[in-house]
Amino acid sequence: ALRTALLDAVAGSGWQAEGAASLQGSPTDA
């Protein structure tokens, strides 16, 4: 729930945002 809220907030600030539950599940490298 918090991750979804943060994604919405960041996207509203002009960032392209993606989320992950852990680093192991992150989409790409840092």
PDB file of all heavy atoms in Angstrom:
ATOM      1  N   ALA A   1       0.825  -1.205   0.000  1.00  0.00           N
ATOM      2  CA  ALA A   1       0.000   0.000   0.000  1.00  0.00           C
ATOM      3  C   ALA A   1       0.863   1.260   0.000  1.00  0.00           C
ATOM      4  O   ALA A   1       0.595   2.215  -0.742  1.00  0.00           O
ATOM      5  CB  ALA A   1      -0.935  -0.002   1.212  1.00  0.00           C
ATOM      6  N   LEU A   2       1.902   1.268   0.823  1.00  0.00           N
ATOM      7  CA  LEU A   2       2.780   2.435   0.873  1.00  0.00           C
ATOM      8  C   LEU A   2       3.540   2.599  -0.430  1.00  0.00           C
ATOM      9  O   LEU A   2       3.712   3.719  -0.932  1.00  0.00           O
ATOM     10  CB  LEU A   2       3.758   2.309   2.045  1.00  0.00           C
ATOM     11  CG  LEU A   2       4.768   3.442   2.213  1.00  0.00           C
ATOM     12  CD1 LEU A   2       4.068   4.789   2.336  1.00  0.00           C
ATOM     13  CD2 LEU A   2       5.661   3.202   3.425  1.00  0.00           C
ATOM     14  N   ARG A   3       3.975   1.489  -0.999  1.00  0.00           N
ATOM     15  CA  ARG A   3       4.711   1.566  -2.264  1.00  0.00           C
ATOM     16  C   ARG A   3       3.839   2.181  -3.354  1.00  0.00           C
ATOM     17  O   ARG A   3       4.288   3.034  -4.135  1.00  0.00           O
ATOM     18  CB  ARG A   3       5.192   0.178  -2.686  1.00  0.00           C
ATOM     19  CG  ARG A   3       6.080   0.202  -3.942  1.00  0.00           C
ATOM     20  CD  ARG A   3       6.730  -1.135  -4.212  1.00  0.00           C
ATOM     21  NE  ARG A   3       5.765  -2.178  -4.557  1.00  0.00           N
ATOM     22  CZ  ARG A   3       5.413  -3.190  -3.753  1.00  0.00           C
ATOM     23  NH1 ARG A   3       5.950  -3.295  -2.548  1.00  0.00           N
ATOM     24  NH2 ARG A   3       4.547  -4.090  -4.148  1.00  0.00           N
ATOM     25  N   THR A   4       2.584   1.785  -3.399  1.00  0.00           N
ATOM     26  CA  THR A   4       1.662   2.334  -4.395  1.00  0.00           C
ATOM     27  C   THR A   4       1.457   3.838  -4.184  1.00  0.00           C
ATOM     28  O   THR A   4       1.455   4.624  -5.139  1.00  0.00           O
ATOM     29  CB  THR A   4       0.306   1.616  -4.323  1.00  0.00           C
ATOM     30  OG1 THR A   4       0.505   0.227  -4.596  1.00  0.00           O
ATOM     31  CG2 THR A   4      -0.672   2.199  -5.335  1.00  0.00           C
ATOM     32  N   ALA A   5       1.300   4.236  -2.917  1.00  0.00           N
ATOM     33  CA  ALA A   5       1.113   5.661  -2.616  1.00  0.00           C
ATOM     34  C   ALA A   5       2.340   6.471  -3.015  1.00  0.00           C
ATOM     35  O   ALA A   5       2.220   7.583  -3.555  1.00  0.00           O
ATOM     36  CB  ALA A   5       0.814   5.835  -1.135  1.00  0.00           C
ATOM     37  N   LEU A   6       3.527   5.934  -2.746  1.00  0.00           N
ATOM     38  CA  LEU A   6       4.755   6.637  -3.107  1.00  0.00           C
ATOM     39  C   LEU A   6       4.920   6.736  -4.618  1.00  0.00           C
ATOM     40  O   LEU A   6       5.353   7.768  -5.141  1.00  0.00           O
ATOM     41  CB  LEU A   6       5.964   5.925  -2.483  1.00  0.00           C
ATOM     42  CG  LEU A   6       6.082   5.992  -0.959  1.00  0.00           C
ATOM     43  CD1 LEU A   6       7.243   5.127  -0.482  1.00  0.00           C
ATOM     44  CD2 LEU A   6       6.275   7.428  -0.489  1.00  0.00           C
ATOM     45  N   LEU A   7       4.572   5.685  -5.314  1.00  0.00           N
ATOM     46  CA  LEU A   7       4.659   5.718  -6.776  1.00  0.00           C
ATOM     47  C   LEU A   7       3.757   6.799  -7.356  1.00  0.00           C
ATOM     48  O   LEU A   7       4.157   7.542  -8.258  1.00  0.00           O
ATOM     49  CB  LEU A   7       4.277   4.347  -7.349  1.00  0.00           C
ATOM     50  CG  LEU A   7       5.314   3.232  -7.187  1.00  0.00           C
ATOM     51  CD1 LEU A   7       4.707   1.878  -7.557  1.00  0.00           C
ATOM     52  CD2 LEU A   7       6.540   3.504  -8.049  1.00  0.00           C
ATOM     53  N   ASP A   8       2.538   6.900  -6.811  1.00  0.00           N
ATOM     54  CA  ASP A   8       1.608   7.924  -7.301  1.00  0.00           C
ATOM     55  C   ASP A   8       2.150   9.325  -7.014  1.00  0.00           C
ATOM     56  O   ASP A   8       2.066  10.221  -7.860  1.00  0.00           O
ATOM     57  CB  ASP A   8       0.247   7.750  -6.626  1.00  0.00           C
ATOM     58  CG  ASP A   8      -0.477   6.490  -7.093  1.00  0.00           C
ATOM     59  OD1 ASP A   8      -0.095   5.961  -8.156  1.00  0.00           O
ATOM     60  OD2 ASP A   8      -1.404   6.047  -6.396  1.00  0.00           O
ATOM     61  N   ALA A   9       2.701   9.511  -5.803  1.00  0.00           N
ATOM     62  CA  ALA A   9       3.200  10.834  -5.415  1.00  0.00           C
ATOM     63  C   ALA A   9       4.390  11.248  -6.265  1.00  0.00           C
ATOM     64  O   ALA A   9       4.487  12.398  -6.725  1.00  0.00           O
ATOM     65  CB  ALA A   9       3.576  10.831  -3.943  1.00  0.00           C
ATOM     66  N   VAL A  10       5.316  10.330  -6.486  1.00  0.00           N
ATOM     67  CA  VAL A  10       6.519  10.645  -7.253  1.00  0.00           C
ATOM     68  C   VAL A  10       6.184  10.917  -8.714  1.00  0.00           C
ATOM     69  O   VAL A  10       6.717  11.843  -9.330  1.00  0.00           O
ATOM     70  CB  VAL A  10       7.540   9.503  -7.118  1.00  0.00           C
ATOM     71  CG1 VAL A  10       8.683   9.689  -8.094  1.00  0.00           C
ATOM     72  CG2 VAL A  10       8.088   9.439  -5.706  1.00  0.00           C
ATOM     73  N   ALA A  11       5.273  10.111  -9.263  1.00  0.00           N
ATOM     74  CA  ALA A  11       4.876  10.332 -10.651  1.00  0.00           C
ATOM     75  C   ALA A  11       4.248  11.703 -10.820  1.00  0.00           C
ATOM     76  O   ALA A  11       4.444  12.382 -11.832  1.00  0.00           O
ATOM     77  CB  ALA A  11       3.916   9.236 -11.096  1.00  0.00           C
ATOM     78  N   GLY A  12       3.518  12.155  -9.790  1.00  0.00           N
ATOM     79  CA  GLY A  12       2.912  13.478  -9.843  1.00  0.00           C
ATOM     80  C   GLY A  12       3.907  14.605  -9.769  1.00  0.00           C
ATOM     81  O   GLY A  12       3.582  15.747 -10.075  1.00  0.00           O
ATOM     82  N   SER A  13       5.151  14.303  -9.339  1.00  0.00           N
ATOM     83  CA  SER A  13       6.204  15.316  -9.252  1.00  0.00           C
ATOM     84  C   SER A  13       7.070  15.355 -10.499  1.00  0.00           C
ATOM     85  O   SER A  13       8.096  16.038 -10.524  1.00  0.00           O
ATOM     86  CB  SER A  13       7.085  15.045  -8.024  1.00  0.00           C
ATOM     87  OG  SER A  13       6.320  15.128  -6.846  1.00  0.00           O
ATOM     88  N   GLY A  14       6.679  14.583 -11.520  1.00  0.00           N
ATOM     89  CA  GLY A  14       7.405  14.644 -12.785  1.00  0.00           C
ATOM     90  C   GLY A  14       8.473  13.581 -12.971  1.00  0.00           C
ATOM     91  O   GLY A  14       9.282  13.685 -13.883  1.00  0.00           O
ATOM     92  N   TRP A  15       8.484  12.564 -12.117  1.00  0.00           N
ATOM     93  CA  TRP A  15       9.449  11.483 -12.249  1.00  0.00           C
ATOM     94  C   TRP A  15       8.791  10.271 -12.912  1.00  0.00           C
ATOM     95  O   TRP A  15       7.606  10.016 -12.721  1.00  0.00           O
ATOM     96  CB  TRP A  15       9.989  11.058 -10.883  1.00  0.00           C
ATOM     97  CG  TRP A  15      10.889  12.054 -10.231  1.00  0.00           C
ATOM     98  CD1 TRP A  15      10.532  13.268  -9.727  1.00  0.00           C
ATOM     99  CD2 TRP A  15      12.286  11.920  -9.998  1.00  0.00           C
ATOM    100  NE1 TRP A  15      11.621  13.914  -9.188  1.00  0.00           N
ATOM    101  CE2 TRP A  15      12.725  13.104  -9.338  1.00  0.00           C
ATOM    102  CE3 TRP A  15      13.225  10.933 -10.255  1.00  0.00           C
ATOM    103  CZ2 TRP A  15      14.039  13.308  -8.957  1.00  0.00           C
ATOM    104  CZ3 TRP A  15      14.530  11.130  -9.877  1.00  0.00           C
ATOM    105  CH2 TRP A  15      14.942  12.312  -9.241  1.00  0.00           C
ATOM    106  N   GLN A  16       9.568   9.496 -13.647  1.00  0.00           N
ATOM    107  CA  GLN A  16       9.122   8.197 -14.126  1.00  0.00           C
ATOM    108  C   GLN A  16       9.472   7.181 -13.041  1.00  0.00           C
ATOM    109  O   GLN A  16      10.644   6.988 -12.724  1.00  0.00           O
ATOM    110  CB  GLN A  16       9.818   7.836 -15.437  1.00  0.00           C
ATOM    111  CG  GLN A  16       9.422   6.468 -15.978  1.00  0.00           C
ATOM    112  CD  GLN A  16      10.185   6.122 -17.245  1.00  0.00           C
ATOM    113  OE1 GLN A  16      10.680   7.001 -17.931  1.00  0.00           O
ATOM    114  NE2 GLN A  16      10.293   4.836 -17.532  1.00  0.00           N
ATOM    115  N   ALA A  17       8.468   6.560 -12.447  1.00  0.00           N
ATOM    116  CA  ALA A  17       8.689   5.750 -11.256  1.00  0.00           C
ATOM    117  C   ALA A  17       8.298   4.288 -11.481  1.00  0.00           C
ATOM    118  O   ALA A  17       7.325   3.984 -12.180  1.00  0.00           O
ATOM    119  CB  ALA A  17       7.895   6.317 -10.081  1.00  0.00           C
ATOM    120  N   GLU A  18       9.069   3.380 -10.880  1.00  0.00           N
ATOM    121  CA  GLU A  18       8.739   1.957 -10.825  1.00  0.00           C
ATOM    122  C   GLU A  18       8.991   1.487  -9.405  1.00  0.00           C
ATOM    123  O   GLU A  18       9.787   2.081  -8.659  1.00  0.00           O
ATOM    124  CB  GLU A  18       9.586   1.150 -11.813  1.00  0.00           C
ATOM    125  CG  GLU A  18       9.273   1.448 -13.274  1.00  0.00           C
ATOM    126  CD  GLU A  18       9.967   0.476 -14.211  1.00  0.00           C
ATOM    127  OE1 GLU A  18      10.034  -0.736 -13.883  1.00  0.00           O
ATOM    128  OE2 GLU A  18      10.459   0.933 -15.255  1.00  0.00           O
ATOM    129  N   GLY A  19       8.312   0.403  -9.025  1.00  0.00           N
ATOM    130  CA  GLY A  19       8.419  -0.089  -7.663  1.00  0.00           C
ATOM    131  C   GLY A  19       8.831  -1.537  -7.583  1.00  0.00           C
ATOM    132  O   GLY A  19       8.686  -2.305  -8.540  1.00  0.00           O
ATOM    133  N   ALA A  20       9.368  -1.906  -6.426  1.00  0.00           N
ATOM    134  CA  ALA A  20       9.758  -3.288  -6.153  1.00  0.00           C
ATOM    135  C   ALA A  20       9.635  -3.524  -4.657  1.00  0.00           C
ATOM    136  O   ALA A  20       9.842  -2.603  -3.853  1.00  0.00           O
ATOM    137  CB  ALA A  20      11.185  -3.560  -6.628  1.00  0.00           C
ATOM    138  N   ALA A  21       9.296  -4.765  -4.281  1.00  0.00           N
ATOM    139  CA  ALA A  21       9.166  -5.106  -2.866  1.00  0.00           C
ATOM    140  C   ALA A  21      10.520  -5.310  -2.211  1.00  0.00           C
ATOM    141  O   ALA A  21      10.648  -5.192  -0.994  1.00  0.00           O
ATOM    142  CB  ALA A  21       8.307  -6.359  -2.703  1.00  0.00           C
ATOM    143  N   SER A  22      11.547  -5.611  -3.008  1.00  0.00           N
ATOM    144  CA  SER A  22      12.891  -5.825  -2.478  1.00  0.00           C
ATOM    145  C   SER A  22      13.896  -5.561  -3.583  1.00  0.00           C
ATOM    146  O   SER A  22      13.532  -5.445  -4.764  1.00  0.00           O
ATOM    147  CB  SER A  22      13.057  -7.265  -1.966  1.00  0.00           C
ATOM    148  OG  SER A  22      12.988  -8.183  -3.052  1.00  0.00           O
ATOM    149  N   LEU A  23      15.163  -5.474  -3.206  1.00  0.00           N
ATOM    150  CA  LEU A  23      16.195  -5.272  -4.218  1.00  0.00           C
ATOM    151  C   LEU A  23      16.276  -6.447  -5.177  1.00  0.00           C
ATOM    152  O   LEU A  23      16.559  -6.286  -6.364  1.00  0.00           O
ATOM    153  CB  LEU A  23      17.556  -5.062  -3.535  1.00  0.00           C
ATOM    154  CG  LEU A  23      17.801  -3.677  -2.937  1.00  0.00           C
ATOM    155  CD1 LEU A  23      19.135  -3.634  -2.231  1.00  0.00           C
ATOM    156  CD2 LEU A  23      17.733  -2.597  -4.006  1.00  0.00           C
ATOM    157  N   GLN A  24      16.029  -7.645  -4.655  1.00  0.00           N
ATOM    158  CA  GLN A  24      16.064  -8.830  -5.509  1.00  0.00           C
ATOM    159  C   GLN A  24      14.980  -8.764  -6.585  1.00  0.00           C
ATOM    160  O   GLN A  24      15.128  -9.306  -7.672  1.00  0.00           O
ATOM    161  CB  GLN A  24      15.881 -10.102  -4.670  1.00  0.00           C
ATOM    162  CG  GLN A  24      17.076 -10.462  -3.797  1.00  0.00           C
ATOM    163  CD  GLN A  24      17.243  -9.515  -2.617  1.00  0.00           C
ATOM    164  OE1 GLN A  24      16.273  -8.903  -2.168  1.00  0.00           O
ATOM    165  NE2 GLN A  24      18.460  -9.371  -2.115  1.00  0.00           N
ATOM    166  N   GLY A  25      13.893  -8.072  -6.269  1.00  0.00           N
ATOM    167  CA  GLY A  25      12.807  -7.978  -7.235  1.00  0.00           C
ATOM    168  C   GLY A  25      12.822  -6.708  -8.042  1.00  0.00           C
ATOM    169  O   GLY A  25      11.858  -6.396  -8.729  1.00  0.00           O
ATOM    170  N   SER A  26      13.904  -5.937  -7.958  1.00  0.00           N
ATOM    171  CA  SER A  26      13.962  -4.665  -8.681  1.00  0.00           C
ATOM    172  C   SER A  26      14.101  -4.903 -10.176  1.00  0.00           C
ATOM    173  O   SER A  26      14.723  -5.885 -10.600  1.00  0.00           O
ATOM    174  CB  SER A  26      15.121  -3.805  -8.168  1.00  0.00           C
ATOM    175  OG  SER A  26      16.347  -4.468  -8.362  1.00  0.00           O
ATOM    176  N   PRO A  27      13.535  -4.017 -11.016  1.00  0.00           N
ATOM    177  CA  PRO A  27      13.489  -4.240 -12.463  1.00  0.00           C
ATOM    178  C   PRO A  27      14.845  -4.305 -13.148  1.00  0.00           C
ATOM    179  O   PRO A  27      15.058  -5.128 -14.011  1.00  0.00           O
ATOM    180  CB  PRO A  27      12.677  -3.042 -12.974  1.00  0.00           C
ATOM    181  CG  PRO A  27      11.892  -2.574 -11.793  1.00  0.00           C
ATOM    182  CD  PRO A  27      12.767  -2.847 -10.606  1.00  0.00           C
ATOM    183  N   THR A  28      15.766  -3.418 -12.807  1.00  0.00           N
ATOM    184  CA  THR A  28      17.058  -3.390 -13.497  1.00  0.00           C
ATOM    185  C   THR A  28      18.148  -3.011 -12.520  1.00  0.00           C
ATOM    186  O   THR A  28      17.916  -2.855 -11.334  1.00  0.00           O
ATOM    187  CB  THR A  28      17.040  -2.355 -14.649  1.00  0.00           C
ATOM    188  OG1 THR A  28      16.651  -1.086 -14.124  1.00  0.00           O
ATOM    189  CG2 THR A  28      16.060  -2.752 -15.740  1.00  0.00           C
ATOM    190  N   ASP A  29      19.368  -2.845 -13.034  1.00  0.00           N
ATOM    191  CA  ASP A  29      20.487  -2.503 -12.160  1.00  0.00           C
ATOM    192  C   ASP A  29      20.419  -1.044 -11.738  1.00  0.00           C
ATOM    193  O   ASP A  29      19.731  -0.220 -12.342  1.00  0.00           O
ATOM    194  CB  ASP A  29      21.816  -2.774 -12.878  1.00  0.00           C
ATOM    195  CG  ASP A  29      22.006  -1.859 -14.072  1.00  0.00           C
ATOM    196  OD1 ASP A  29      21.255  -2.015 -15.066  1.00  0.00           O
ATOM    197  OD2 ASP A  29      22.872  -0.988 -14.003  1.00  0.00           O
ATOM    198  N   ALA A  30      21.181  -0.717 -10.666  1.00  0.00           N
ATOM    199  CA  ALA A  30      21.112   0.607 -10.049  1.00  0.00           C
ATOM    200  C   ALA A  30      21.509   1.719 -11.005  1.00  0.00           C
ATOM    201  O   ALA A  30      20.961   2.821 -10.944  1.00  0.00           O
ATOM    202  CB  ALA A  30      22.002   0.642  -8.803  1.00  0.00           C
TER     203      ALA A  30
END
